């Protein structure tokens, strides 16, 4: 990261749309398709006890609030970046804090990795696309 690059805690601000879930490291699990895509059943199992659950859009606010939007509404949590800005910590006060490896973060794309606790451990990869304000306005019209 160059000195002129914006800090990760600035780049992450705004709304992000979930694009895909994939396995980066494949466990021996029949729920995983050959293309590494995580099935909806496996995704429900992975996220059952997580803050993120089935959120489709994540909104990072400057005050450390994270709004997770899904088809049922919105849930509030808190976020912070740890280490050198490569560890995303999410917590809501009810559950143990969750930690995600921030693999890619730029003005258009965010990729998070996290360990799953299914029968055979795997590493899940979540891809997001930034919702720029002009795109968001077009999307809701």
Protein backbone atom coordinates (compact mmCIF):
# COMPACT_ATOMS: atom_id res chain seq x y z
CA UNK A 1 0.00 0.00 0.00
CA UNK A 2 1.47 3.33 -1.02
CA UNK A 3 1.39 6.44 1.12
CA UNK A 4 -1.23 7.97 -1.18
CA UNK A 5 -3.60 4.99 -0.92
CA UNK A 6 -6.65 5.53 1.26
CA UNK A 7 -6.66 3.67 4.57
CA UNK A 8 -8.65 0.40 4.65
CA UNK A 9 -11.00 1.82 7.29
CA UNK A 10 -11.93 4.54 4.79
CA UNK A 11 -12.20 2.31 1.69
CA UNK A 12 -14.53 -0.12 3.47
CA UNK A 13 -17.12 2.58 4.25
CA UNK A 14 -20.39 2.39 2.34
CA UNK A 15 -22.67 -0.35 1.04
CA UNK A 16 -21.43 -3.67 -0.31
CA UNK A 17 -23.54 -6.21 -2.19
CA UNK A 18 -22.82 -9.90 -1.66
CA UNK A 19 -21.92 -11.46 -5.01
CA UNK A 20 -20.87 -15.02 -4.20
CA UNK A 21 -19.79 -17.57 -1.62
CA UNK A 22 -17.16 -20.11 -2.64
CA UNK A 23 -14.83 -22.56 -0.98
CA UNK A 24 -11.23 -21.50 -1.21
CA UNK A 25 -10.13 -24.70 0.52
CA UNK A 26 -12.40 -27.65 -0.19
CA UNK A 27 -13.28 -30.03 2.62
CA UNK A 28 -14.66 -33.46 1.69
CA UNK A 29 -18.28 -32.31 1.69
CA UNK A 30 -21.00 -33.32 -0.81
CA UNK A 31 -22.71 -29.92 -0.42
CA UNK A 32 -19.90 -28.35 -2.43
CA UNK A 33 -20.29 -28.19 -6.17
CA UNK A 34 -17.41 -28.87 -8.55
CA UNK A 35 -17.10 -25.13 -9.26
CA UNK A 36 -16.46 -24.49 -5.52
CA UNK A 37 -19.75 -22.60 -5.13
CA UNK A 38 -21.31 -23.07 -1.72
CA UNK A 39 -24.89 -24.35 -1.95
CA UNK A 40 -27.72 -22.51 -0.20
CA UNK A 41 -28.05 -25.41 2.29
CA UNK A 42 -24.35 -25.29 3.16
CA UNK A 43 -24.49 -21.49 3.44
CA UNK A 44 -27.40 -21.72 5.91
CA UNK A 45 -25.44 -24.27 7.96
CA UNK A 46 -22.25 -22.17 7.92
CA UNK A 47 -24.00 -18.94 8.95
CA UNK A 48 -26.47 -20.39 11.46
CA UNK A 49 -24.63 -19.04 14.52
CA UNK A 50 -22.92 -16.08 12.86
CA UNK A 51 -23.80 -12.40 13.07
CA UNK A 52 -23.82 -12.15 9.26
CA UNK A 53 -26.51 -14.86 8.79
CA UNK A 54 -28.08 -14.40 5.36
CA UNK A 55 -27.21 -10.73 4.84
CA UNK A 56 -27.19 -9.72 1.19
CA UNK A 57 -25.98 -6.15 1.65
CA UNK A 58 -23.51 -4.86 4.23
CA UNK A 59 -23.23 -1.17 5.09
CA UNK A 60 -20.12 -0.04 6.95
CA UNK A 61 -20.62 3.30 8.69
CA UNK A 62 -17.84 5.62 9.95
CA UNK A 63 -18.99 5.34 13.58
CA UNK A 64 -18.20 1.60 13.64
CA UNK A 65 -21.78 0.50 12.99
CA UNK A 66 -22.42 -2.30 10.50
CA UNK A 67 -25.93 -2.62 9.07
CA UNK A 68 -26.67 -6.05 7.61
CA UNK A 69 -29.62 -6.03 5.21
CA UNK A 70 -31.51 -9.14 4.15
CA UNK A 71 -34.96 -9.88 2.77
CA UNK A 72 -36.51 -9.49 6.25
CA UNK A 73 -35.02 -6.11 7.14
CA UNK A 74 -31.84 -4.84 8.79
CA UNK A 75 -29.68 -5.90 11.75
CA UNK A 76 -27.19 -3.67 13.55
CA UNK A 77 -23.74 -4.87 14.57
CA UNK A 78 -20.37 -3.23 15.14
CA UNK A 79 -17.17 -3.50 13.12
CA UNK A 80 -13.52 -2.64 13.44
CA UNK A 81 -10.36 -3.44 11.48
CA UNK A 82 -7.54 -5.11 13.39
CA UNK A 83 -3.87 -5.86 12.75
CA UNK A 84 -2.71 -3.91 9.67
CA UNK A 85 -6.27 -3.44 8.46
CA UNK A 86 -6.48 -7.01 7.17
CA UNK A 87 -8.67 -8.51 9.91
CA UNK A 88 -12.33 -7.50 10.05
CA UNK A 89 -13.92 -7.99 13.47
CA UNK A 90 -17.73 -8.04 13.66
CA UNK A 91 -19.68 -8.23 16.91
CA UNK A 92 -23.20 -7.57 18.09
CA UNK A 93 -22.88 -7.98 21.86
CA UNK A 94 -24.83 -11.27 21.87
CA UNK A 95 -22.34 -13.63 20.23
CA UNK A 96 -18.60 -14.13 20.30
CA UNK A 97 -16.88 -11.63 17.98
CA UNK A 98 -16.31 -12.96 14.47
CA UNK A 99 -13.05 -12.44 12.59
CA UNK A 100 -12.69 -12.36 8.81
CA UNK A 101 -9.48 -12.16 6.78
CA UNK A 102 -9.80 -9.14 4.50
CA UNK A 103 -8.09 -10.56 1.41
CA UNK A 104 -9.00 -7.87 -1.16
CA UNK A 105 -10.31 -4.37 -0.54
CA UNK A 106 -10.48 -1.61 -3.11
CA UNK A 107 -13.02 0.96 -4.31
CA UNK A 108 -15.03 -1.70 -6.18
CA UNK A 109 -14.40 -5.11 -4.61
CA UNK A 110 -14.06 -6.75 -1.20
CA UNK A 111 -13.15 -10.40 -0.61
CA UNK A 112 -13.38 -11.92 2.87
CA UNK A 113 -12.11 -15.36 3.95
CA UNK A 114 -13.23 -17.19 7.06
CA UNK A 115 -12.92 -20.67 8.51
CA UNK A 116 -16.07 -22.78 8.56
CA UNK A 117 -16.95 -25.22 11.31
CA UNK A 118 -18.67 -27.87 9.24
CA UNK A 119 -17.76 -31.55 9.66
CA UNK A 120 -14.54 -31.05 7.73
CA UNK A 121 -13.10 -27.57 8.08
CA UNK A 122 -12.89 -25.40 5.03
CA UNK A 123 -12.14 -21.81 4.17
CA UNK A 124 -15.08 -19.88 2.74
CA UNK A 125 -14.56 -16.93 0.42
CA UNK A 126 -17.20 -14.20 0.26
CA UNK A 127 -17.09 -11.72 -2.62
CA UNK A 128 -18.71 -8.29 -2.50
CA UNK A 129 -19.20 -5.49 -5.00
CA UNK A 130 -19.30 -1.88 -3.81
CA UNK A 131 -22.64 -0.15 -4.35
CA UNK A 132 -21.66 3.29 -5.53
CA UNK A 133 -24.33 5.90 -4.86
CA UNK A 134 -25.22 6.41 -8.54
CA UNK A 135 -25.51 2.61 -9.02
CA UNK A 136 -27.63 2.28 -5.89
CA UNK A 137 -30.02 5.03 -7.05
CA UNK A 138 -30.46 3.27 -10.41
CA UNK A 139 -30.99 -0.09 -8.72
CA UNK A 140 -33.87 1.08 -6.50
CA UNK A 141 -35.74 2.98 -9.24
